[in-house]
PDB file of N, CA and C in Angstrom:
ATOM      1  N   MET A   1     100.096  73.519  67.648  1.00  0.00           N
ATOM      2  CA  MET A   1      99.745  74.840  68.109  1.00  0.00           C
ATOM      3  C   MET A   1     100.374  75.903  67.207  1.00  0.00           C
ATOM      4  N   ALA A   2     101.579  75.657  66.718  1.00  0.00           N
ATOM      5  CA  ALA A   2     102.222  76.629  65.835  1.00  0.00           C
ATOM      6  C   ALA A   2     101.537  76.664  64.474  1.00  0.00           C
ATOM      7  N   ALA A   3     101.018  75.517  64.033  1.00  0.00           N
ATOM      8  CA  ALA A   3     100.359  75.470  62.734  1.00  0.00           C
ATOM      9  C   ALA A   3      98.986  76.135  62.760  1.00  0.00           C
ATOM     10  N   ASP A   4      98.278  76.014  63.876  1.00  0.00           N
ATOM     11  CA  ASP A   4      96.942  76.598  63.988  1.00  0.00           C
ATOM     12  C   ASP A   4      96.762  77.182  65.397  1.00  0.00           C
ATOM     13  N   PRO A   5      97.223  78.422  65.623  1.00  0.00           N
ATOM     14  CA  PRO A   5      97.138  78.998  66.968  1.00  0.00           C
ATOM     15  C   PRO A   5      95.720  79.385  67.385  1.00  0.00           C
ATOM     16  N   ILE A   6      94.771  79.310  66.458  1.00  0.00           N
ATOM     17  CA  ILE A   6      93.386  79.659  66.803  1.00  0.00           C
ATOM     18  C   ILE A   6      92.647  78.450  67.341  1.00  0.00           C
ATOM     19  N   HIS A   7      92.705  77.337  66.633  1.00  0.00           N
ATOM     20  CA  HIS A   7      91.921  76.160  67.031  1.00  0.00           C
ATOM     21  C   HIS A   7      92.753  75.018  67.595  1.00  0.00           C
ATOM     22  N   GLY A   8      94.026  74.915  67.211  1.00  0.00           N
ATOM     23  CA  GLY A   8      94.837  73.781  67.625  1.00  0.00           C
ATOM     24  C   GLY A   8      95.698  74.098  68.834  1.00  0.00           C
ATOM     25  N   HIS A   9      95.566  73.283  69.859  1.00  0.00           N
ATOM     26  CA  HIS A   9      96.416  73.440  71.044  1.00  0.00           C
ATOM     27  C   HIS A   9      96.422  72.145  71.839  1.00  0.00           C
ATOM     28  N   PRO A  10      97.549  71.848  72.474  1.00  0.00           N
ATOM     29  CA  PRO A  10      97.602  70.670  73.346  1.00  0.00           C
ATOM     30  C   PRO A  10      96.879  70.961  74.661  1.00  0.00           C
ATOM     31  N   PRO A  11      96.486  69.935  75.385  1.00  0.00           N
ATOM     32  CA  PRO A  11      95.763  70.149  76.647  1.00  0.00           C
ATOM     33  C   PRO A  11      96.546  70.972  77.668  1.00  0.00           C
ATOM     34  N   TRP A  12      97.880  70.829  77.697  1.00  0.00           N
ATOM     35  CA  TRP A  12      98.667  71.572  78.679  1.00  0.00           C
ATOM     36  C   TRP A  12      98.601  73.068  78.443  1.00  0.00           C
ATOM     37  N   ALA A  13      98.401  73.486  77.194  1.00  0.00           N
ATOM     38  CA  ALA A  13      98.332  74.919  76.899  1.00  0.00           C
ATOM     39  C   ALA A  13      97.094  75.541  77.527  1.00  0.00           C
ATOM     40  N   LEU A  14      95.981  74.846  77.436  1.00  0.00           N
ATOM     41  CA  LEU A  14      94.750  75.352  78.050  1.00  0.00           C
ATOM     42  C   LEU A  14      94.883  75.395  79.565  1.00  0.00           C
ATOM     43  N   VAL A  15      95.524  74.404  80.143  1.00  0.00           N
ATOM     44  CA  VAL A  15      95.731  74.387  81.594  1.00  0.00           C
ATOM     45  C   VAL A  15      96.654  75.529  82.008  1.00  0.00           C
ATOM     46  N   LEU A  16      97.712  75.790  81.239  1.00  0.00           N
ATOM     47  CA  LEU A  16      98.630  76.886  81.536  1.00  0.00           C
ATOM     48  C   LEU A  16      97.909  78.226  81.547  1.00  0.00           C
ATOM     49  N   VAL A  17      97.087  78.462  80.541  1.00  0.00           N
ATOM     50  CA  VAL A  17      96.346  79.716  80.459  1.00  0.00           C
ATOM     51  C   VAL A  17      95.340  79.803  81.604  1.00  0.00           C
ATOM     52  N   ALA A  18      94.667  78.702  81.895  1.00  0.00           N
ATOM     53  CA  ALA A  18      93.673  78.700  82.971  1.00  0.00           C
ATOM     54  C   ALA A  18      94.310  78.981  84.324  1.00  0.00           C
ATOM     55  N   ILE A  19      95.459  78.393  84.585  1.00  0.00           N
ATOM     56  CA  ILE A  19      96.122  78.617  85.876  1.00  0.00           C
ATOM     57  C   ILE A  19      96.614  80.057  85.987  1.00  0.00           C
ATOM     58  N   SER A  20      97.102  80.631  84.901  1.00  0.00           N
ATOM     59  CA  SER A  20      97.606  82.002  84.963  1.00  0.00           C
ATOM     60  C   SER A  20      96.494  83.003  85.234  1.00  0.00           C
ATOM     61  N   VAL A  21      95.293  82.695  84.766  1.00  0.00           N
ATOM     62  CA  VAL A  21      94.163  83.593  85.003  1.00  0.00           C
ATOM     63  C   VAL A  21      93.525  83.320  86.355  1.00  0.00           C
ATOM     64  N   GLY A  22      93.425  82.056  86.706  1.00  0.00           N
ATOM     65  CA  GLY A  22      92.778  81.717  87.961  1.00  0.00           C
ATOM     66  C   GLY A  22      91.519  80.912  87.766  1.00  0.00           C
ATOM     67  N   GLU A  23      91.288  80.437  86.558  1.00  0.00           N
ATOM     68  CA  GLU A  23      90.147  79.562  86.320  1.00  0.00           C
ATOM     69  C   GLU A  23      90.413  78.215  86.975  1.00  0.00           C
ATOM     70  N   SER A  24      89.362  77.556  87.411  1.00  0.00           N
ATOM     71  CA  SER A  24      89.546  76.284  88.105  1.00  0.00           C
ATOM     72  C   SER A  24      89.822  75.129  87.168  1.00  0.00           C
ATOM     73  N   ALA A  25      89.663  75.310  85.879  1.00  0.00           N
ATOM     74  CA  ALA A  25      89.960  74.287  84.864  1.00  0.00           C
ATOM     75  C   ALA A  25      89.258  72.967  85.155  1.00  0.00           C
ATOM     76  N   GLY A  26      88.004  73.063  85.564  1.00  0.00           N
ATOM     77  CA  GLY A  26      87.211  71.861  85.779  1.00  0.00           C
ATOM     78  C   GLY A  26      87.289  71.290  87.173  1.00  0.00           C
ATOM     79  N   LYS A  27      88.103  71.851  88.046  1.00  0.00           N
ATOM     80  CA  LYS A  27      88.238  71.350  89.406  1.00  0.00           C
ATOM     81  C   LYS A  27      87.421  72.222  90.354  1.00  0.00           C
ATOM     82  N   ALA A  28      86.990  71.621  91.435  1.00  0.00           N
ATOM     83  CA  ALA A  28      86.177  72.347  92.399  1.00  0.00           C
ATOM     84  C   ALA A  28      87.034  73.330  93.186  1.00  0.00           C
ATOM     85  N   GLY A  29      86.435  74.426  93.549  1.00  0.00           N
ATOM     86  CA  GLY A  29      87.114  75.404  94.384  1.00  0.00           C
ATOM     87  C   GLY A  29      87.815  76.474  93.573  1.00  0.00           C
ATOM     88  N   PRO A  30      88.010  77.638  94.195  1.00  0.00           N
ATOM     89  CA  PRO A  30      88.674  78.735  93.465  1.00  0.00           C
ATOM     90  C   PRO A  30      90.172  78.522  93.359  1.00  0.00           C
ATOM     91  N   VAL A  31      90.723  78.987  92.271  1.00  0.00           N
ATOM     92  CA  VAL A  31      92.168  78.959  92.057  1.00  0.00           C
ATOM     93  C   VAL A  31      92.575  80.393  91.765  1.00  0.00           C
ATOM     94  N   TRP A  32      93.509  80.915  92.533  1.00  0.00           N
ATOM     95  CA  TRP A  32      93.984  82.278  92.319  1.00  0.00           C
ATOM     96  C   TRP A  32      95.181  82.243  91.393  1.00  0.00           C
ATOM     97  N   GLY A  33      94.984  82.697  90.178  1.00  0.00           N
ATOM     98  CA  GLY A  33      96.080  82.787  89.235  1.00  0.00           C
ATOM     99  C   GLY A  33      96.877  84.057  89.459  1.00  0.00           C
ATOM    100  N   TYR A  34      97.922  84.202  88.689  1.00  0.00           N
ATOM    101  CA  TYR A  34      98.810  85.341  88.855  1.00  0.00           C
ATOM    102  C   TYR A  34      98.070  86.660  88.697  1.00  0.00           C
ATOM    103  N   PHE A  35      97.295  86.799  87.645  1.00  0.00           N
ATOM    104  CA  PHE A  35      96.687  88.090  87.345  1.00  0.00           C
ATOM    105  C   PHE A  35      95.646  88.495  88.390  1.00  0.00           C
ATOM    106  N   LEU A  36      94.845  87.551  88.854  1.00  0.00           N
ATOM    107  CA  LEU A  36      93.867  87.866  89.895  1.00  0.00           C
ATOM    108  C   LEU A  36      94.550  88.120  91.240  1.00  0.00           C
ATOM    109  N   ALA A  37      95.540  87.313  91.573  1.00  0.00           N
ATOM    110  CA  ALA A  37      96.244  87.494  92.848  1.00  0.00           C
ATOM    111  C   ALA A  37      97.007  88.817  92.859  1.00  0.00           C
ATOM    112  N   ASP A  38      97.665  89.160  91.765  1.00  0.00           N
ATOM    113  CA  ASP A  38      98.411  90.412  91.705  1.00  0.00           C
ATOM    114  C   ASP A  38      97.462  91.607  91.749  1.00  0.00           C
ATOM    115  N   GLY A  39      96.337  91.502  91.065  1.00  0.00           N
ATOM    116  CA  GLY A  39      95.339  92.583  91.115  1.00  0.00           C
ATOM    117  C   GLY A  39      94.794  92.783  92.517  1.00  0.00           C
ATOM    118  N   ALA A  40      94.487  91.687  93.204  1.00  0.00           N
ATOM    119  CA  ALA A  40      93.999  91.792  94.584  1.00  0.00           C
ATOM    120  C   ALA A  40      95.071  92.380  95.490  1.00  0.00           C
ATOM    121  N   ASP A  41      96.331  91.991  95.285  1.00  0.00           N
ATOM    122  CA  ASP A  41      97.426  92.540  96.083  1.00  0.00           C
ATOM    123  C   ASP A  41      97.571  94.037  95.851  1.00  0.00           C
ATOM    124  N   MET A  42      97.439  94.481  94.613  1.00  0.00           N
ATOM    125  CA  MET A  42      97.531  95.913  94.325  1.00  0.00           C
ATOM    126  C   MET A  42      96.383  96.677  94.968  1.00  0.00           C
ATOM    127  N   LEU A  43      95.176  96.120  94.914  1.00  0.00           N
ATOM    128  CA  LEU A  43      94.039  96.787  95.554  1.00  0.00           C
ATOM    129  C   LEU A  43      94.215  96.870  97.062  1.00  0.00           C
ATOM    130  N   TRP A  44      94.829  95.868  97.648  1.00  0.00           N
ATOM    131  CA  TRP A  44      95.003  95.812  99.097  1.00  0.00           C
ATOM    132  C   TRP A  44      96.125  96.737  99.574  1.00  0.00           C
ATOM    133  N   ASN A  45      97.228  96.809  98.822  1.00  0.00           N
ATOM    134  CA  ASN A  45      98.426  97.486  99.301  1.00  0.00           C
ATOM    135  C   ASN A  45      98.733  98.834  98.655  1.00  0.00           C
ATOM    136  N   GLN A  46      97.986  99.234  97.647  1.00  0.00           N
ATOM    137  CA  GLN A  46      98.253 100.506  96.978  1.00  0.00           C
ATOM    138  C   GLN A  46      96.961 101.296  96.848  1.00  0.00           C
ATOM    139  N   THR A  47      97.116 102.576  96.614  1.00  0.00           N
ATOM    140  CA  THR A  47      95.933 103.391  96.335  1.00  0.00           C
ATOM    141  C   THR A  47      95.537 103.178  94.874  1.00  0.00           C
ATOM    142  N   LEU A  48      94.310 103.505  94.567  1.00  0.00           N
ATOM    143  CA  LEU A  48      93.834 103.339  93.195  1.00  0.00           C
ATOM    144  C   LEU A  48      94.621 104.234  92.238  1.00  0.00           C
ATOM    145  N   GLY A  49      95.030 105.401  92.705  1.00  0.00           N
ATOM    146  CA  GLY A  49      95.825 106.299  91.874  1.00  0.00           C
ATOM    147  C   GLY A  49      97.178 105.723  91.507  1.00  0.00           C
ATOM    148  N   GLN A  50      97.742 104.902  92.392  1.00  0.00           N
ATOM    149  CA  GLN A  50      99.040 104.296  92.122  1.00  0.00           C
ATOM    150  C   GLN A  50      98.928 103.084  91.205  1.00  0.00           C
ATOM    151  N   ALA A  51      97.805 102.380  91.271  1.00  0.00           N
ATOM    152  CA  ALA A  51      97.731 101.075  90.624  1.00  0.00           C
ATOM    153  C   ALA A  51      96.762 100.999  89.449  1.00  0.00           C
ATOM    154  N   TRP A  52      96.124 102.079  89.072  1.00  0.00           N
ATOM    155  CA  TRP A  52      95.043 101.967  88.092  1.00  0.00           C
ATOM    156  C   TRP A  52      95.521 101.470  86.731  1.00  0.00           C
ATOM    157  N   GLU A  53      96.733 101.842  86.309  1.00  0.00           N
ATOM    158  CA  GLU A  53      97.216 101.392  84.997  1.00  0.00           C
ATOM    159  C   GLU A  53      97.410  99.879  84.959  1.00  0.00           C
ATOM    160  N   LEU A  54      98.057  99.338  85.988  1.00  0.00           N
ATOM    161  CA  LEU A  54      98.267  97.884  86.020  1.00  0.00           C
ATOM    162  C   LEU A  54      96.964  97.136  86.267  1.00  0.00           C
ATOM    163  N   LEU A  55      96.052  97.729  87.029  1.00  0.00           N
ATOM    164  CA  LEU A  55      94.752  97.083  87.228  1.00  0.00           C
ATOM    165  C   LEU A  55      93.979  97.006  85.912  1.00  0.00           C
ATOM    166  N   CYS A  56      94.040  98.064  85.116  1.00  0.00           N
ATOM    167  CA  CYS A  56      93.402  98.027  83.792  1.00  0.00           C
ATOM    168  C   CYS A  56      94.065  96.973  82.911  1.00  0.00           C
ATOM    169  N   HIS A  57      95.394  96.903  82.958  1.00  0.00           N
ATOM    170  CA  HIS A  57      96.119  95.884  82.190  1.00  0.00           C
ATOM    171  C   HIS A  57      95.676  94.483  82.619  1.00  0.00           C
ATOM    172  N   HIS A  58      95.627  94.243  83.926  1.00  0.00           N
ATOM    173  CA  HIS A  58      95.228  92.919  84.419  1.00  0.00           C
ATOM    174  C   HIS A  58      93.783  92.607  84.041  1.00  0.00           C
ATOM    175  N   LEU A  59      92.909  93.600  84.076  1.00  0.00           N
ATOM    176  CA  LEU A  59      91.504  93.392  83.696  1.00  0.00           C
ATOM    177  C   LEU A  59      91.389  92.986  82.226  1.00  0.00           C
ATOM    178  N   VAL A  60      92.132  93.654  81.363  1.00  0.00           N
ATOM    179  CA  VAL A  60      92.104  93.314  79.936  1.00  0.00           C
ATOM    180  C   VAL A  60      92.681  91.922  79.707  1.00  0.00           C
ATOM    181  N   VAL A  61      93.796  91.610  80.377  1.00  0.00           N
ATOM    182  CA  VAL A  61      94.416  90.295  80.210  1.00  0.00           C
ATOM    183  C   VAL A  61      93.486  89.197  80.700  1.00  0.00           C
ATOM    184  N   VAL A  62      92.885  89.383  81.870  1.00  0.00           N
ATOM    185  CA  VAL A  62      91.977  88.368  82.417  1.00  0.00           C
ATOM    186  C   VAL A  62      90.779  88.177  81.498  1.00  0.00           C
ATOM    187  N   SER A  63      90.240  89.257  80.962  1.00  0.00           N
ATOM    188  CA  SER A  63      89.082  89.107  80.074  1.00  0.00           C
ATOM    189  C   SER A  63      89.462  88.403  78.773  1.00  0.00           C
ATOM    190  N   CYS A  64      90.611  88.731  78.199  1.00  0.00           N
ATOM    191  CA  CYS A  64      91.038  88.077  76.953  1.00  0.00           C
ATOM    192  C   CYS A  64      91.366  86.605  77.174  1.00  0.00           C
ATOM    193  N   LEU A  65      92.120  86.312  78.228  1.00  0.00           N
ATOM    194  CA  LEU A  65      92.478  84.920  78.474  1.00  0.00           C
ATOM    195  C   LEU A  65      91.266  84.096  78.889  1.00  0.00           C
ATOM    196  N   SER A  66      90.334  84.696  79.617  1.00  0.00           N
ATOM    197  CA  SER A  66      89.110  83.976  79.989  1.00  0.00           C
ATOM    198  C   SER A  66      88.271  83.656  78.765  1.00  0.00           C
ATOM    199  N   THR A  67      88.243  84.575  77.810  1.00  0.00           N
ATOM    200  CA  THR A  67      87.523  84.312  76.563  1.00  0.00           C
ATOM    201  C   THR A  67      88.152  83.131  75.829  1.00  0.00           C
ATOM    202  N   ALA A  68      89.477  83.071  75.815  1.00  0.00           N
ATOM    203  CA  ALA A  68      90.159  81.946  75.169  1.00  0.00           C
ATOM    204  C   ALA A  68      89.861  80.641  75.895  1.00  0.00           C
ATOM    205  N   ILE A  69      89.823  80.685  77.222  1.00  0.00           N
ATOM    206  CA  ILE A  69      89.549  79.474  77.997  1.00  0.00           C
ATOM    207  C   ILE A  69      88.127  78.991  77.758  1.00  0.00           C
ATOM    208  N   LEU A  70      87.176  79.904  77.844  1.00  0.00           N
ATOM    209  CA  LEU A  70      85.766  79.516  77.730  1.00  0.00           C
ATOM    210  C   LEU A  70      85.393  79.069  76.320  1.00  0.00           C
ATOM    211  N   SER A  71      86.000  79.698  75.311  1.00  0.00           N
ATOM    212  CA  SER A  71      85.663  79.334  73.932  1.00  0.00           C
ATOM    213  C   SER A  71      86.522  78.184  73.412  1.00  0.00           C
ATOM    214  N   GLY A  72      87.712  78.017  73.986  1.00  0.00           N
ATOM    215  CA  GLY A  72      88.635  76.996  73.488  1.00  0.00           C
ATOM    216  C   GLY A  72      89.362  77.422  72.231  1.00  0.00           C
ATOM    217  N   HIS A  73      89.193  78.667  71.826  1.00  0.00           N
ATOM    218  CA  HIS A  73      89.863  79.214  70.646  1.00  0.00           C
ATOM    219  C   HIS A  73      90.929  80.210  71.092  1.00  0.00           C
ATOM    220  N   TYR A  74      91.912  80.444  70.242  1.00  0.00           N
ATOM    221  CA  TYR A  74      92.977  81.417  70.472  1.00  0.00           C
ATOM    222  C   TYR A  74      93.865  81.063  71.662  1.00  0.00           C
ATOM    223  N   VAL A  75      93.901  79.805  72.059  1.00  0.00           N
ATOM    224  CA  VAL A  75      94.750  79.386  73.175  1.00  0.00           C
ATOM    225  C   VAL A  75      96.221  79.516  72.785  1.00  0.00           C
ATOM    226  N   GLY A  76      96.566  79.230  71.550  1.00  0.00           N
ATOM    227  CA  GLY A  76      97.944  79.383  71.093  1.00  0.00           C
ATOM    228  C   GLY A  76      98.423  80.820  71.204  1.00  0.00           C
ATOM    229  N   PHE A  77      97.578  81.768  70.820  1.00  0.00           N
ATOM    230  CA  PHE A  77      97.931  83.172  70.970  1.00  0.00           C
ATOM    231  C   PHE A  77      98.033  83.561  72.441  1.00  0.00           C
ATOM    232  N   SER A  78      97.214  82.954  73.268  1.00  0.00           N
ATOM    233  CA  SER A  78      97.261  83.232  74.705  1.00  0.00           C
ATOM    234  C   SER A  78      98.576  82.766  75.314  1.00  0.00           C
ATOM    235  N   VAL A  79      99.080  81.626  74.865  1.00  0.00           N
ATOM    236  CA  VAL A  79     100.368  81.132  75.364  1.00  0.00           C
ATOM    237  C   VAL A  79     101.483  82.092  74.944  1.00  0.00           C
ATOM    238  N   VAL A  80     101.424  82.605  73.731  1.00  0.00           N
ATOM    239  CA  VAL A  80     102.422  83.578  73.277  1.00  0.00           C
ATOM    240  C   VAL A  80     102.350  84.846  74.126  1.00  0.00           C
ATOM    241  N   SER A  81     101.145  85.290  74.457  1.00  0.00           N
ATOM    242  CA  SER A  81     101.019  86.487  75.291  1.00  0.00           C
ATOM    243  C   SER A  81     101.575  86.242  76.691  1.00  0.00           C
ATOM    244  N   LEU A  82     101.449  85.014  77.203  1.00  0.00           N
ATOM    245  CA  LEU A  82     102.041  84.701  78.502  1.00  0.00           C
ATOM    246  C   LEU A  82     103.568  84.713  78.429  1.00  0.00           C
ATOM    247  N   LEU A  83     104.128  84.332  77.285  1.00  0.00           N
ATOM    248  CA  LEU A  83     105.581  84.437  77.109  1.00  0.00           C
ATOM    249  C   LEU A  83     106.025  85.901  77.144  1.00  0.00           C
ATOM    250  N   LEU A  84     105.212  86.791  76.595  1.00  0.00           N
ATOM    251  CA  LEU A  84     105.528  88.214  76.661  1.00  0.00           C
ATOM    252  C   LEU A  84     105.478  88.723  78.091  1.00  0.00           C
ATOM    253  N   GLU A  85     104.533  88.222  78.888  1.00  0.00           N
ATOM    254  CA  GLU A  85     104.471  88.590  80.298  1.00  0.00           C
ATOM    255  C   GLU A  85     105.711  88.097  81.034  1.00  0.00           C
ATOM    256  N   LEU A  86     106.198  86.915  80.695  1.00  0.00           N
ATOM    257  CA  LEU A  86     107.416  86.394  81.297  1.00  0.00           C
ATOM    258  C   LEU A  86     108.609  87.279  80.938  1.00  0.00           C
ATOM    259  N   ASN A  87     108.655  87.742  79.699  1.00  0.00           N
ATOM    260  CA  ASN A  87     109.707  88.653  79.273  1.00  0.00           C
ATOM    261  C   ASN A  87     109.659  89.940  80.087  1.00  0.00           C
ATOM    262  N   SER A  88     108.480  90.446  80.321  1.00  0.00           N
ATOM    263  CA  SER A  88     108.327  91.663  81.119  1.00  0.00           C
ATOM    264  C   SER A  88     108.830  91.450  82.543  1.00  0.00           C
ATOM    265  N   THR A  89     108.567  90.280  83.101  1.00  0.00           N
ATOM    266  CA  THR A  89     109.046  89.965  84.446  1.00  0.00           C
ATOM    267  C   THR A  89     110.569  89.949  84.475  1.00  0.00           C
ATOM    268  N   CYS A  90     111.181  89.375  83.464  1.00  0.00           N
ATOM    269  CA  CYS A  90     112.644  89.337  83.403  1.00  0.00           C
ATOM    270  C   CYS A  90     113.225  90.745  83.269  1.00  0.00           C
ATOM    271  N   LEU A  91     112.587  91.598  82.503  1.00  0.00           N
ATOM    272  CA  LEU A  91     113.066  92.969  82.365  1.00  0.00           C
ATOM    273  C   LEU A  91     112.950  93.730  83.678  1.00  0.00           C
ATOM    274  N   HIS A  92     111.858  93.504  84.415  1.00  0.00           N
ATOM    275  CA  HIS A  92     111.704  94.161  85.715  1.00  0.00           C
ATOM    276  C   HIS A  92     112.754  93.658  86.711  1.00  0.00           C
ATOM    277  N   LEU A  93     113.037  92.374  86.685  1.00  0.00           N
ATOM    278  CA  LEU A  93     114.079  91.820  87.555  1.00  0.00           C
ATOM    279  C   LEU A  93     115.436  92.437  87.224  1.00  0.00           C
ATOM    280  N   ARG A  94     115.719  92.579  85.954  1.00  0.00           N
ATOM    281  CA  ARG A  94     116.975  93.203  85.536  1.00  0.00           C
ATOM    282  C   ARG A  94     117.055  94.633  86.048  1.00  0.00           C
ATOM    283  N   LYS A  95     115.968  95.376  85.930  1.00  0.00           N
ATOM    284  CA  LYS A  95     115.949  96.762  86.404  1.00  0.00           C
ATOM    285  C   LYS A  95     116.159  96.833  87.914  1.00  0.00           C
ATOM    286  N   LEU A  96     115.539  95.921  88.665  1.00  0.00           N
ATOM    287  CA  LEU A  96     115.737  95.889  90.118  1.00  0.00           C
ATOM    288  C   LEU A  96     117.180  95.570  90.482  1.00  0.00           C
ATOM    289  N   LEU A  97     117.786  94.645  89.757  1.00  0.00           N
ATOM    290  CA  LEU A  97     119.195  94.321  90.006  1.00  0.00           C
ATOM    291  C   LEU A  97     120.096  95.513  89.708  1.00  0.00           C
ATOM    292  N   LEU A  98     119.804  96.229  88.640  1.00  0.00           N
ATOM    293  CA  LEU A  98     120.598  97.407  88.313  1.00  0.00           C
ATOM    294  C   LEU A  98     120.427  98.500  89.371  1.00  0.00           C
ATOM    295  N   LEU A  99     119.206  98.719  89.815  1.00  0.00           N
ATOM    296  CA  LEU A  99     118.950  99.757  90.822  1.00  0.00           C
ATOM    297  C   LEU A  99     119.577  99.427  92.169  1.00  0.00           C
ATOM    298  N   SER A 100     119.634  98.144  92.489  1.00  0.00           N
ATOM    299  CA  SER A 100     120.218  97.745  93.772  1.00  0.00           C
ATOM    300  C   SER A 100     121.723  97.538  93.692  1.00  0.00           C
ATOM    301  N   ARG A 101     122.282  97.716  92.517  1.00  0.00           N
ATOM    302  CA  ARG A 101     123.716  97.531  92.260  1.00  0.00           C
ATOM    303  C   ARG A 101     124.188  96.125  92.638  1.00  0.00           C
ATOM    304  N   GLN A 102     123.316  95.144  92.448  1.00  0.00           N
ATOM    305  CA  GLN A 102     123.648  93.744  92.738  1.00  0.00           C
ATOM    306  C   GLN A 102     124.066  92.986  91.489  1.00  0.00           C
ATOM    307  N   ALA A 103     124.131  93.660  90.356  1.00  0.00           N
ATOM    308  CA  ALA A 103     124.458  92.980  89.106  1.00  0.00           C
ATOM    309  C   ALA A 103     125.632  93.665  88.422  1.00  0.00           C
ATOM    310  N   PRO A 104     126.845  93.448  88.907  1.00  0.00           N
ATOM    311  CA  PRO A 104     127.983  94.131  88.295  1.00  0.00           C
ATOM    312  C   PRO A 104     128.498  93.477  87.009  1.00  0.00           C
ATOM    313  N   SER A 105     127.907  92.357  86.609  1.00  0.00           N
ATOM    314  CA  SER A 105     128.423  91.658  85.432  1.00  0.00           C
ATOM    315  C   SER A 105     128.056  92.397  84.154  1.00  0.00           C
ATOM    316  N   LEU A 106     128.731  92.057  83.087  1.00  0.00           N
ATOM    317  CA  LEU A 106     128.455  92.676  81.784  1.00  0.00           C
ATOM    318  C   LEU A 106     127.095  92.275  81.231  1.00  0.00           C
ATOM    319  N   ALA A 107     126.567  91.130  81.676  1.00  0.00           N
ATOM    320  CA  ALA A 107     125.272  90.673  81.161  1.00  0.00           C
ATOM    321  C   ALA A 107     124.142  91.604  81.553  1.00  0.00           C
ATOM    322  N   PHE A 108     124.274  92.305  82.680  1.00  0.00           N
ATOM    323  CA  PHE A 108     123.196  93.173  83.142  1.00  0.00           C
ATOM    324  C   PHE A 108     123.481  94.649  82.950  1.00  0.00           C
ATOM    325  N   SER A 109     124.581  94.998  82.355  1.00  0.00           N
ATOM    326  CA  SER A 109     124.901  96.419  82.196  1.00  0.00           C
ATOM    327  C   SER A 109     124.408  96.956  80.867  1.00  0.00           C
TER     328      SER A 109
END
């Protein structure tokens, strides 16, 4: 995958991308991935004015990752983009810990 992120990828990489988007990956029945579930949660619990930026982000991510899943190309780049999403989650967790004053250690200051 590192040598050819466009065409070369192991089977687990395609499954990882498919699960994160919510594609069924060949299995019957719907699968709610993170991006679809989070988008539905935002539509249900927030006003459109509050959530439109993240909804646009999720729409772009779902369309890009779905293109990678359906074409079988760019799966390596999709895995890298999911690592960036994980980094964003860690940064948000750090910010929540700082705001709640639950992280007095030097690692979070």
